[in-house]
Amino acid sequence: MPELVLPTTRLHAAFLRCRDDWGPGVHEDGFGLGTDDDVDSPAGFATWVHRRVRLTHPAGDPCPDEPHGSPRWIVEDGEVLGAIALRHGFNDDTGHIGYGVRPSARRRGLATWALGEMLGEAHALGLDAVLVVCLADNAGSARTIERNGGVLEGIRDTGNVPVRRYRITLDG
């Protein structure tokens, strides 16, 4: 059974296998991984994980350059299969939630399940609705969002690529 877990240094090797599954230079949605982040060395990985986890504790010592959020890794049998993050601050270009599942773990319903779990967390935070976006040509992600009640608001060109914008209303 998969579970959503906070990022942890304990899963360094599993994280690297997940990242390598995507291939070099490919953006992995949901991880919050920047181009300058060193995740290969144990020290760099620990720094990155610490920064990601700190974002979940607004009363603690948040990073001033990033909004608070709830990052989670999708883990099963000790393997990192993907990630999902609920952004506590709203960004009109990226929406409230971003997620990604490694190529070898796709088509198992993991993204649909993880998004449903994060919608519960969003509701617990007091949100009535969330915006979730995906690339306009990503039919799998569009189905994931629609399975969780997403209603297409439209397609917007973000300057780089067109994205589908979905609104999901959260019920109690």
N, C-alpha and C. Protein backbone atom coordinates (compact mmCIF):
# COMPACT_ATOMS: atom_id res chain seq x y z
N MET A 1 0.84 -1.18 0.00
CA MET A 1 0.00 0.00 0.00
C MET A 1 0.89 1.24 0.00
N PRO A 2 0.63 2.18 -0.88
CA PRO A 2 1.40 3.42 -0.87
C PRO A 2 1.02 4.28 0.33
N GLU A 3 1.93 5.18 0.68
CA GLU A 3 1.66 6.15 1.74
C GLU A 3 2.29 7.48 1.36
N LEU A 4 1.76 8.55 1.93
CA LEU A 4 2.34 9.86 1.75
C LEU A 4 3.19 10.15 2.98
N VAL A 5 4.46 10.49 2.76
CA VAL A 5 5.38 10.74 3.87
C VAL A 5 6.08 12.08 3.65
N LEU A 6 6.49 12.68 4.76
CA LEU A 6 7.32 13.88 4.68
C LEU A 6 8.65 13.50 4.03
N PRO A 7 9.23 14.40 3.25
CA PRO A 7 10.56 14.13 2.73
C PRO A 7 11.51 13.80 3.89
N THR A 8 12.40 12.83 3.66
CA THR A 8 13.30 12.38 4.70
C THR A 8 14.64 11.96 4.10
N THR A 9 15.71 12.21 4.82
CA THR A 9 17.04 11.81 4.35
C THR A 9 17.18 10.29 4.36
N ARG A 10 16.35 9.61 5.11
CA ARG A 10 16.38 8.15 5.17
C ARG A 10 16.15 7.52 3.80
N LEU A 11 15.49 8.24 2.91
CA LEU A 11 15.15 7.72 1.59
C LEU A 11 16.03 8.30 0.48
N HIS A 12 17.25 8.70 0.82
CA HIS A 12 18.14 9.32 -0.17
C HIS A 12 18.34 8.43 -1.40
N ALA A 13 18.75 7.19 -1.21
CA ALA A 13 19.00 6.30 -2.35
C ALA A 13 17.72 6.06 -3.15
N ALA A 14 16.60 5.91 -2.47
CA ALA A 14 15.31 5.69 -3.16
C ALA A 14 14.91 6.94 -3.93
N PHE A 15 15.18 8.12 -3.37
CA PHE A 15 14.89 9.36 -4.07
C PHE A 15 15.72 9.45 -5.35
N LEU A 16 17.00 9.12 -5.26
CA LEU A 16 17.86 9.19 -6.44
C LEU A 16 17.39 8.22 -7.53
N ARG A 17 16.94 7.04 -7.15
CA ARG A 17 16.39 6.10 -8.13
C ARG A 17 15.15 6.69 -8.80
N CYS A 18 14.32 7.35 -8.01
CA CYS A 18 13.12 7.99 -8.55
C CYS A 18 13.51 9.10 -9.52
N ARG A 19 14.42 9.96 -9.11
CA ARG A 19 14.87 11.05 -9.97
C ARG A 19 15.47 10.51 -11.26
N ASP A 20 16.28 9.48 -11.16
CA ASP A 20 16.93 8.91 -12.34
C ASP A 20 15.93 8.27 -13.30
N ASP A 21 14.80 7.81 -12.77
CA ASP A 21 13.75 7.24 -13.60
C ASP A 21 13.20 8.29 -14.58
N TRP A 22 13.16 9.56 -14.14
CA TRP A 22 12.68 10.63 -15.00
C TRP A 22 13.67 10.92 -16.13
N GLY A 23 14.94 10.80 -15.82
CA GLY A 23 15.98 11.12 -16.80
C GLY A 23 16.58 12.48 -16.52
N PRO A 24 17.77 12.72 -17.04
CA PRO A 24 18.48 13.96 -16.75
C PRO A 24 17.76 15.19 -17.32
N GLY A 25 17.73 16.24 -16.50
CA GLY A 25 17.18 17.51 -16.94
C GLY A 25 15.68 17.60 -17.00
N VAL A 26 14.97 16.55 -16.64
CA VAL A 26 13.52 16.58 -16.68
C VAL A 26 12.99 17.08 -15.34
N HIS A 27 12.02 18.00 -15.39
CA HIS A 27 11.44 18.55 -14.17
C HIS A 27 10.48 17.53 -13.56
N GLU A 28 10.67 17.26 -12.29
CA GLU A 28 9.80 16.32 -11.57
C GLU A 28 8.81 17.11 -10.73
N ASP A 29 7.59 17.25 -11.18
CA ASP A 29 6.58 18.01 -10.45
C ASP A 29 6.35 17.41 -9.07
N GLY A 30 6.11 18.29 -8.11
CA GLY A 30 5.77 17.86 -6.75
C GLY A 30 6.95 17.81 -5.80
N PHE A 31 8.17 17.73 -6.32
CA PHE A 31 9.33 17.64 -5.44
C PHE A 31 9.87 19.00 -5.00
N GLY A 32 9.62 20.05 -5.75
CA GLY A 32 10.19 21.35 -5.40
C GLY A 32 11.69 21.39 -5.62
N LEU A 33 12.15 20.63 -6.59
CA LEU A 33 13.58 20.52 -6.87
C LEU A 33 13.98 21.60 -7.86
N GLY A 34 14.95 22.42 -7.44
CA GLY A 34 15.45 23.49 -8.30
C GLY A 34 16.69 23.05 -9.04
N THR A 35 17.03 23.77 -10.09
CA THR A 35 18.19 23.41 -10.91
C THR A 35 19.50 23.52 -10.13
N ASP A 36 19.55 24.34 -9.10
CA ASP A 36 20.77 24.51 -8.32
C ASP A 36 20.83 23.62 -7.08
N ASP A 37 19.80 22.83 -6.84
CA ASP A 37 19.78 21.96 -5.66
C ASP A 37 20.72 20.77 -5.85
N ASP A 38 21.57 20.56 -4.85
CA ASP A 38 22.47 19.40 -4.84
C ASP A 38 21.78 18.30 -4.05
N VAL A 39 21.29 17.31 -4.75
CA VAL A 39 20.66 16.19 -4.06
C VAL A 39 21.49 14.91 -4.18
N ASP A 40 22.61 14.99 -4.90
CA ASP A 40 23.45 13.82 -5.08
C ASP A 40 24.31 13.54 -3.84
N SER A 41 24.90 14.57 -3.26
CA SER A 41 25.73 14.37 -2.08
C SER A 41 24.84 14.24 -0.85
N PRO A 42 25.24 13.43 0.13
CA PRO A 42 24.43 13.32 1.35
C PRO A 42 24.21 14.66 2.05
N ALA A 43 25.23 15.51 2.08
CA ALA A 43 25.08 16.81 2.74
C ALA A 43 24.12 17.71 1.97
N GLY A 44 24.26 17.75 0.65
CA GLY A 44 23.36 18.56 -0.16
C GLY A 44 21.93 18.08 -0.08
N PHE A 45 21.75 16.77 -0.09
CA PHE A 45 20.41 16.18 0.02
C PHE A 45 19.79 16.54 1.37
N ALA A 46 20.57 16.44 2.44
CA ALA A 46 20.07 16.77 3.78
C ALA A 46 19.64 18.23 3.85
N THR A 47 20.42 19.12 3.25
CA THR A 47 20.06 20.54 3.23
C THR A 47 18.76 20.76 2.48
N TRP A 48 18.64 20.12 1.32
CA TRP A 48 17.43 20.27 0.51
C TRP A 48 16.20 19.71 1.25
N VAL A 49 16.33 18.52 1.83
CA VAL A 49 15.21 17.92 2.57
C VAL A 49 14.83 18.81 3.75
N HIS A 50 15.81 19.32 4.47
CA HIS A 50 15.53 20.19 5.61
C HIS A 50 14.74 21.42 5.15
N ARG A 51 15.14 22.01 4.04
CA ARG A 51 14.44 23.19 3.53
C ARG A 51 13.01 22.84 3.14
N ARG A 52 12.80 21.67 2.51
CA ARG A 52 11.44 21.26 2.12
C ARG A 52 10.57 21.02 3.34
N VAL A 53 11.10 20.33 4.33
CA VAL A 53 10.32 19.99 5.52
C VAL A 53 10.03 21.24 6.35
N ARG A 54 10.97 22.16 6.39
CA ARG A 54 10.75 23.41 7.14
C ARG A 54 9.54 24.15 6.63
N LEU A 55 9.24 24.00 5.36
CA LEU A 55 8.10 24.70 4.79
C LEU A 55 6.79 24.25 5.42
N THR A 56 6.77 23.09 6.05
CA THR A 56 5.53 22.57 6.61
C THR A 56 5.25 23.10 8.01
N HIS A 57 6.17 23.85 8.57
CA HIS A 57 6.03 24.32 9.95
C HIS A 57 6.03 25.84 10.02
N PRO A 58 4.89 26.49 9.73
CA PRO A 58 4.84 27.95 9.73
C PRO A 58 5.26 28.58 11.06
N ALA A 59 5.09 27.89 12.17
CA ALA A 59 5.48 28.46 13.46
C ALA A 59 6.98 28.32 13.70
N GLY A 60 7.64 27.53 12.87
CA GLY A 60 9.08 27.31 13.03
C GLY A 60 9.89 28.36 12.31
N ASP A 61 10.83 27.93 11.51
CA ASP A 61 11.75 28.82 10.84
C ASP A 61 11.57 28.67 9.33
N PRO A 62 10.52 29.31 8.77
CA PRO A 62 10.25 29.09 7.36
C PRO A 62 11.27 29.76 6.45
N CYS A 63 11.40 29.23 5.25
CA CYS A 63 12.26 29.84 4.24
C CYS A 63 11.60 31.13 3.76
N PRO A 64 12.31 32.24 3.76
CA PRO A 64 11.68 33.51 3.37
C PRO A 64 11.38 33.59 1.88
N ASP A 65 12.05 32.80 1.04
CA ASP A 65 11.86 32.93 -0.40
C ASP A 65 10.88 31.93 -0.99
N GLU A 66 10.24 31.13 -0.16
CA GLU A 66 9.28 30.15 -0.67
C GLU A 66 8.03 30.18 0.19
N PRO A 67 6.86 29.96 -0.42
CA PRO A 67 5.63 29.91 0.37
C PRO A 67 5.58 28.64 1.21
N HIS A 68 4.81 28.70 2.27
CA HIS A 68 4.61 27.49 3.07
C HIS A 68 3.88 26.46 2.24
N GLY A 69 4.15 25.21 2.55
CA GLY A 69 3.49 24.16 1.81
C GLY A 69 3.52 22.86 2.58
N SER A 70 2.91 21.86 1.99
CA SER A 70 2.87 20.52 2.56
C SER A 70 3.44 19.55 1.53
N PRO A 71 4.76 19.37 1.53
CA PRO A 71 5.34 18.41 0.59
C PRO A 71 5.21 16.99 1.11
N ARG A 72 4.88 16.07 0.24
CA ARG A 72 4.80 14.66 0.60
C ARG A 72 5.40 13.83 -0.53
N TRP A 73 6.03 12.74 -0.16
CA TRP A 73 6.51 11.78 -1.15
C TRP A 73 5.56 10.60 -1.15
N ILE A 74 5.33 10.06 -2.33
CA ILE A 74 4.53 8.86 -2.48
C ILE A 74 5.51 7.69 -2.36
N VAL A 75 5.36 6.90 -1.30
CA VAL A 75 6.32 5.84 -1.00
C VAL A 75 5.58 4.52 -0.85
N GLU A 76 6.19 3.48 -1.42
CA GLU A 76 5.66 2.13 -1.28
C GLU A 76 6.84 1.17 -1.19
N ASP A 77 6.83 0.33 -0.16
CA ASP A 77 7.89 -0.66 0.04
C ASP A 77 9.29 -0.03 0.00
N GLY A 78 9.42 1.16 0.60
CA GLY A 78 10.71 1.82 0.68
C GLY A 78 11.16 2.52 -0.58
N GLU A 79 10.33 2.53 -1.61
CA GLU A 79 10.68 3.19 -2.86
C GLU A 79 9.88 4.49 -3.02
N VAL A 80 10.56 5.55 -3.45
CA VAL A 80 9.89 6.82 -3.74
C VAL A 80 9.32 6.71 -5.15
N LEU A 81 8.00 6.79 -5.24
CA LEU A 81 7.32 6.64 -6.52
C LEU A 81 6.92 7.97 -7.13
N GLY A 82 6.92 9.02 -6.32
CA GLY A 82 6.54 10.33 -6.81
C GLY A 82 6.42 11.30 -5.65
N ALA A 83 5.84 12.45 -5.95
CA ALA A 83 5.68 13.48 -4.92
C ALA A 83 4.45 14.31 -5.22
N ILE A 84 3.96 14.95 -4.18
CA ILE A 84 2.83 15.87 -4.31
C ILE A 84 3.04 16.97 -3.28
N ALA A 85 2.67 18.18 -3.62
CA ALA A 85 2.83 19.28 -2.68
C ALA A 85 1.62 20.20 -2.75
N LEU A 86 1.12 20.51 -1.58
CA LEU A 86 0.04 21.49 -1.44
C LEU A 86 0.70 22.82 -1.07
N ARG A 87 0.53 23.81 -1.91
CA ARG A 87 1.07 25.13 -1.63
C ARG A 87 0.06 25.88 -0.77
N HIS A 88 0.49 26.34 0.38
CA HIS A 88 -0.42 27.07 1.26
C HIS A 88 -0.67 28.47 0.74
N GLY A 89 0.29 29.01 0.01
CA GLY A 89 0.10 30.31 -0.65
C GLY A 89 -0.34 30.06 -2.08
N PHE A 90 -1.21 30.90 -2.59
CA PHE A 90 -1.75 30.70 -3.93
C PHE A 90 -0.84 31.32 -4.98
N ASN A 91 -0.60 30.58 -6.05
CA ASN A 91 0.14 31.07 -7.21
C ASN A 91 -0.74 30.83 -8.42
N ASP A 92 -1.12 31.89 -9.11
CA ASP A 92 -2.07 31.78 -10.22
C ASP A 92 -1.53 30.99 -11.40
N ASP A 93 -0.21 30.88 -11.51
CA ASP A 93 0.38 30.11 -12.62
C ASP A 93 0.49 28.63 -12.31
N THR A 94 0.81 28.28 -11.06
CA THR A 94 1.05 26.88 -10.71
C THR A 94 -0.07 26.26 -9.89
N GLY A 95 -1.00 27.07 -9.41
CA GLY A 95 -2.11 26.54 -8.63
C GLY A 95 -1.71 26.17 -7.22
N HIS A 96 -2.59 25.45 -6.55
CA HIS A 96 -2.38 25.05 -5.17
C HIS A 96 -1.61 23.75 -5.01
N ILE A 97 -1.74 22.85 -5.98
CA ILE A 97 -1.17 21.51 -5.83
C ILE A 97 -0.38 21.13 -7.09
N GLY A 98 0.80 20.60 -6.86
CA GLY A 98 1.61 20.05 -7.94
C GLY A 98 1.99 18.63 -7.60
N TYR A 99 2.08 17.77 -8.59
CA TYR A 99 2.39 16.36 -8.32
C TYR A 99 3.09 15.74 -9.52
N GLY A 100 3.75 14.65 -9.27
CA GLY A 100 4.37 13.88 -10.34
C GLY A 100 4.63 12.46 -9.87
N VAL A 101 4.50 11.52 -10.78
CA VAL A 101 4.76 10.10 -10.51
C VAL A 101 5.85 9.65 -11.49
N ARG A 102 6.86 8.96 -10.97
CA ARG A 102 7.95 8.50 -11.83
C ARG A 102 7.41 7.62 -12.95
N PRO A 103 8.04 7.67 -14.11
CA PRO A 103 7.52 6.94 -15.27
C PRO A 103 7.25 5.46 -15.02
N SER A 104 8.10 4.76 -14.30
CA SER A 104 7.90 3.33 -14.09
C SER A 104 6.76 2.99 -13.14
N ALA A 105 6.20 4.00 -12.46
CA ALA A 105 5.10 3.75 -11.51
C ALA A 105 3.77 4.33 -11.99
N ARG A 106 3.73 4.82 -13.20
CA ARG A 106 2.49 5.43 -13.72
C ARG A 106 1.47 4.37 -14.10
N ARG A 107 0.24 4.84 -14.28
CA ARG A 107 -0.91 4.01 -14.70
C ARG A 107 -1.35 3.03 -13.62
N ARG A 108 -1.08 3.39 -12.36
CA ARG A 108 -1.51 2.56 -11.23
C ARG A 108 -2.53 3.30 -10.36
N GLY A 109 -2.86 4.54 -10.71
CA GLY A 109 -3.79 5.33 -9.91
C GLY A 109 -3.13 6.06 -8.76
N LEU A 110 -1.81 6.08 -8.71
CA LEU A 110 -1.10 6.73 -7.60
C LEU A 110 -1.37 8.24 -7.54
N ALA A 111 -1.33 8.90 -8.69
CA ALA A 111 -1.56 10.34 -8.70
C ALA A 111 -2.99 10.67 -8.29
N THR A 112 -3.95 9.88 -8.78
CA THR A 112 -5.35 10.10 -8.41
C THR A 112 -5.53 9.93 -6.90
N TRP A 113 -4.94 8.89 -6.35
CA TRP A 113 -5.02 8.64 -4.91
C TRP A 113 -4.36 9.77 -4.12
N ALA A 114 -3.13 10.15 -4.51
CA ALA A 114 -2.38 11.17 -3.78
C ALA A 114 -3.09 12.52 -3.84
N LEU A 115 -3.64 12.87 -5.00
CA LEU A 115 -4.37 14.14 -5.11
C LEU A 115 -5.59 14.12 -4.21
N GLY A 116 -6.30 13.02 -4.16
CA GLY A 116 -7.45 12.92 -3.26
C GLY A 116 -7.06 13.12 -1.80
N GLU A 117 -5.92 12.53 -1.41
CA GLU A 117 -5.43 12.71 -0.04
C GLU A 117 -5.11 14.17 0.25
N MET A 118 -4.47 14.85 -0.69
CA MET A 118 -4.09 16.25 -0.48
C MET A 118 -5.30 17.18 -0.49
N LEU A 119 -6.35 16.79 -1.21
CA LEU A 119 -7.56 17.60 -1.18
C LEU A 119 -8.15 17.60 0.22
N GLY A 120 -8.06 16.47 0.92
CA GLY A 120 -8.51 16.42 2.31
C GLY A 120 -7.70 17.35 3.19
N GLU A 121 -6.40 17.40 2.96
CA GLU A 121 -5.54 18.31 3.73
C GLU A 121 -5.87 19.77 3.41
N ALA A 122 -6.12 20.06 2.14
CA ALA A 122 -6.48 21.43 1.75
C ALA A 122 -7.77 21.86 2.44
N HIS A 123 -8.74 20.95 2.49
CA HIS A 123 -10.00 21.26 3.17
C HIS A 123 -9.76 21.49 4.67
N ALA A 124 -8.90 20.68 5.27
CA ALA A 124 -8.59 20.83 6.69
C ALA A 124 -7.92 22.17 6.98
N LEU A 125 -7.23 22.72 5.99
CA LEU A 125 -6.60 24.04 6.14
C LEU A 125 -7.60 25.18 5.97
N GLY A 126 -8.84 24.84 5.61
CA GLY A 126 -9.88 25.85 5.47
C GLY A 126 -10.13 26.31 4.04
N LEU A 127 -9.51 25.66 3.07
CA LEU A 127 -9.75 26.04 1.68
C LEU A 127 -11.08 25.48 1.21
N ASP A 128 -11.83 26.30 0.48
CA ASP A 128 -13.11 25.87 -0.09
C ASP A 128 -12.94 25.27 -1.48
N ALA A 129 -11.87 25.68 -2.15
CA ALA A 129 -11.59 25.19 -3.50
C ALA A 129 -10.09 25.32 -3.76
N VAL A 130 -9.60 24.54 -4.70
CA VAL A 130 -8.20 24.65 -5.10
C VAL A 130 -8.12 24.73 -6.62
N LEU A 131 -7.05 25.34 -7.08
CA LEU A 131 -6.72 25.38 -8.50
C LEU A 131 -5.61 24.37 -8.73
N VAL A 132 -5.79 23.49 -9.70
CA VAL A 132 -4.76 22.52 -10.07
C VAL A 132 -4.55 22.67 -11.57
N VAL A 133 -3.29 22.80 -11.97
CA VAL A 133 -2.98 22.97 -13.39
C VAL A 133 -2.15 21.81 -13.89
N CYS A 134 -2.22 21.59 -15.19
CA CYS A 134 -1.37 20.60 -15.84
C CYS A 134 -1.10 21.07 -17.26
N LEU A 135 -0.06 20.55 -17.86
CA LEU A 135 0.23 20.90 -19.24
C LEU A 135 -0.97 20.54 -20.11
N ALA A 136 -1.27 21.37 -21.07
CA ALA A 136 -2.47 21.17 -21.89
C ALA A 136 -2.45 19.84 -22.62
N ASP A 137 -1.26 19.32 -22.95
CA ASP A 137 -1.20 18.06 -23.69
C ASP A 137 -1.00 16.84 -22.79
N ASN A 138 -1.12 17.00 -21.46
CA ASN A 138 -0.93 15.89 -20.54
C ASN A 138 -2.30 15.27 -20.20
N ALA A 139 -2.74 14.37 -21.07
CA ALA A 139 -4.06 13.76 -20.91
C ALA A 139 -4.17 12.95 -19.62
N GLY A 140 -3.09 12.28 -19.21
CA GLY A 140 -3.12 11.49 -17.98
C GLY A 140 -3.34 12.36 -16.76
N SER A 141 -2.66 13.49 -16.69
CA SER A 141 -2.83 14.39 -15.56
C SER A 141 -4.22 15.03 -15.58
N ALA A 142 -4.71 15.36 -16.77
CA ALA A 142 -6.06 15.92 -16.87
C ALA A 142 -7.08 14.92 -16.32
N ARG A 143 -6.94 13.63 -16.66
CA ARG A 143 -7.86 12.60 -16.14
C ARG A 143 -7.74 12.49 -14.62
N THR A 144 -6.51 12.57 -14.10
CA THR A 144 -6.31 12.52 -12.65
C THR A 144 -7.08 13.63 -11.95
N ILE A 145 -6.97 14.82 -12.47
CA ILE A 145 -7.65 15.98 -11.86
C ILE A 145 -9.16 15.83 -12.00
N GLU A 146 -9.62 15.42 -13.16
CA GLU A 146 -11.07 15.26 -13.38
C GLU A 146 -11.64 14.16 -12.48
N ARG A 147 -10.90 13.09 -12.24
CA ARG A 147 -11.37 12.02 -11.34
C ARG A 147 -11.54 12.52 -9.91
N ASN A 148 -10.85 13.60 -9.58
CA ASN A 148 -10.97 14.19 -8.25
C ASN A 148 -11.90 15.39 -8.23
N GLY A 149 -12.75 15.50 -9.24
CA GLY A 149 -13.77 16.56 -9.27
C GLY A 149 -13.34 17.84 -9.96
N GLY A 150 -12.22 17.84 -10.65
CA GLY A 150 -11.75 19.04 -11.33
C GLY A 150 -12.66 19.45 -12.47
N VAL A 151 -12.96 20.73 -12.51
CA VAL A 151 -13.77 21.31 -13.58
C VAL A 151 -12.86 22.26 -14.35
N LEU A 152 -12.75 22.02 -15.65
CA LEU A 152 -11.86 22.82 -16.48
C LEU A 152 -12.37 24.26 -16.56
N GLU A 153 -11.50 25.19 -16.13
CA GLU A 153 -11.82 26.62 -16.25
C GLU A 153 -11.37 27.17 -17.59
N GLY A 154 -10.36 26.55 -18.16
CA GLY A 154 -9.86 27.02 -19.44
C GLY A 154 -8.40 26.63 -19.61
N ILE A 155 -7.86 27.03 -20.74
CA ILE A 155 -6.46 26.80 -21.05
C ILE A 155 -5.80 28.16 -21.17
N ARG A 156 -4.65 28.30 -20.50
CA ARG A 156 -3.93 29.56 -20.49
C ARG A 156 -2.51 29.34 -20.99
N ASP A 157 -2.05 30.27 -21.81
CA ASP A 157 -0.66 30.23 -22.25
C ASP A 157 0.15 30.97 -21.20
N THR A 158 1.05 30.25 -20.55
CA THR A 158 1.84 30.85 -19.47
C THR A 158 3.09 31.55 -19.98
N GLY A 159 3.24 31.63 -21.30
CA GLY A 159 4.45 32.21 -21.87
C GLY A 159 5.41 31.14 -22.31
N ASN A 160 5.39 30.02 -21.63
CA ASN A 160 6.25 28.89 -22.01
C ASN A 160 5.44 27.83 -22.74
N VAL A 161 4.39 27.38 -22.09
CA VAL A 161 3.54 26.33 -22.65
C VAL A 161 2.11 26.56 -22.18
N PRO A 162 1.14 26.08 -22.96
CA PRO A 162 -0.24 26.19 -22.50
C PRO A 162 -0.54 25.19 -21.39
N VAL A 163 -1.33 25.63 -20.41
CA VAL A 163 -1.72 24.76 -19.30
C VAL A 163 -3.24 24.76 -19.15
N ARG A 164 -3.75 23.59 -18.75
CA ARG A 164 -5.16 23.46 -18.39
C ARG A 164 -5.30 23.91 -16.94
N ARG A 165 -6.35 24.65 -16.66
CA ARG A 165 -6.61 25.14 -15.31
C ARG A 165 -7.92 24.53 -14.81
N TYR A 166 -7.81 23.80 -13.73
CA TYR A 166 -8.97 23.12 -13.15
C TYR A 166 -9.27 23.65 -11.75
N ARG A 167 -10.53 23.84 -11.46
CA ARG A 167 -11.00 24.22 -10.13
C ARG A 167 -11.62 22.98 -9.51
N ILE A 168 -11.23 22.67 -8.27
CA ILE A 168 -11.83 21.57 -7.53
C ILE A 168 -12.46 22.17 -6.28
N THR A 169 -13.76 22.03 -6.16
CA THR A 169 -14.49 22.48 -4.99
C THR A 169 -14.37 21.43 -3.91
N LEU A 170 -14.07 21.87 -2.69
CA LEU A 170 -13.86 20.93 -1.58
C LEU A 170 -15.10 20.89 -0.71
N ASP A 171 -15.64 19.70 -0.55
CA ASP A 171 -16.81 19.49 0.31
C ASP A 171 -16.33 18.97 1.63
N GLY A 172 -17.14 19.14 2.65
CA GLY A 172 -16.81 18.59 3.96
C GLY A 172 -17.02 17.16 3.97
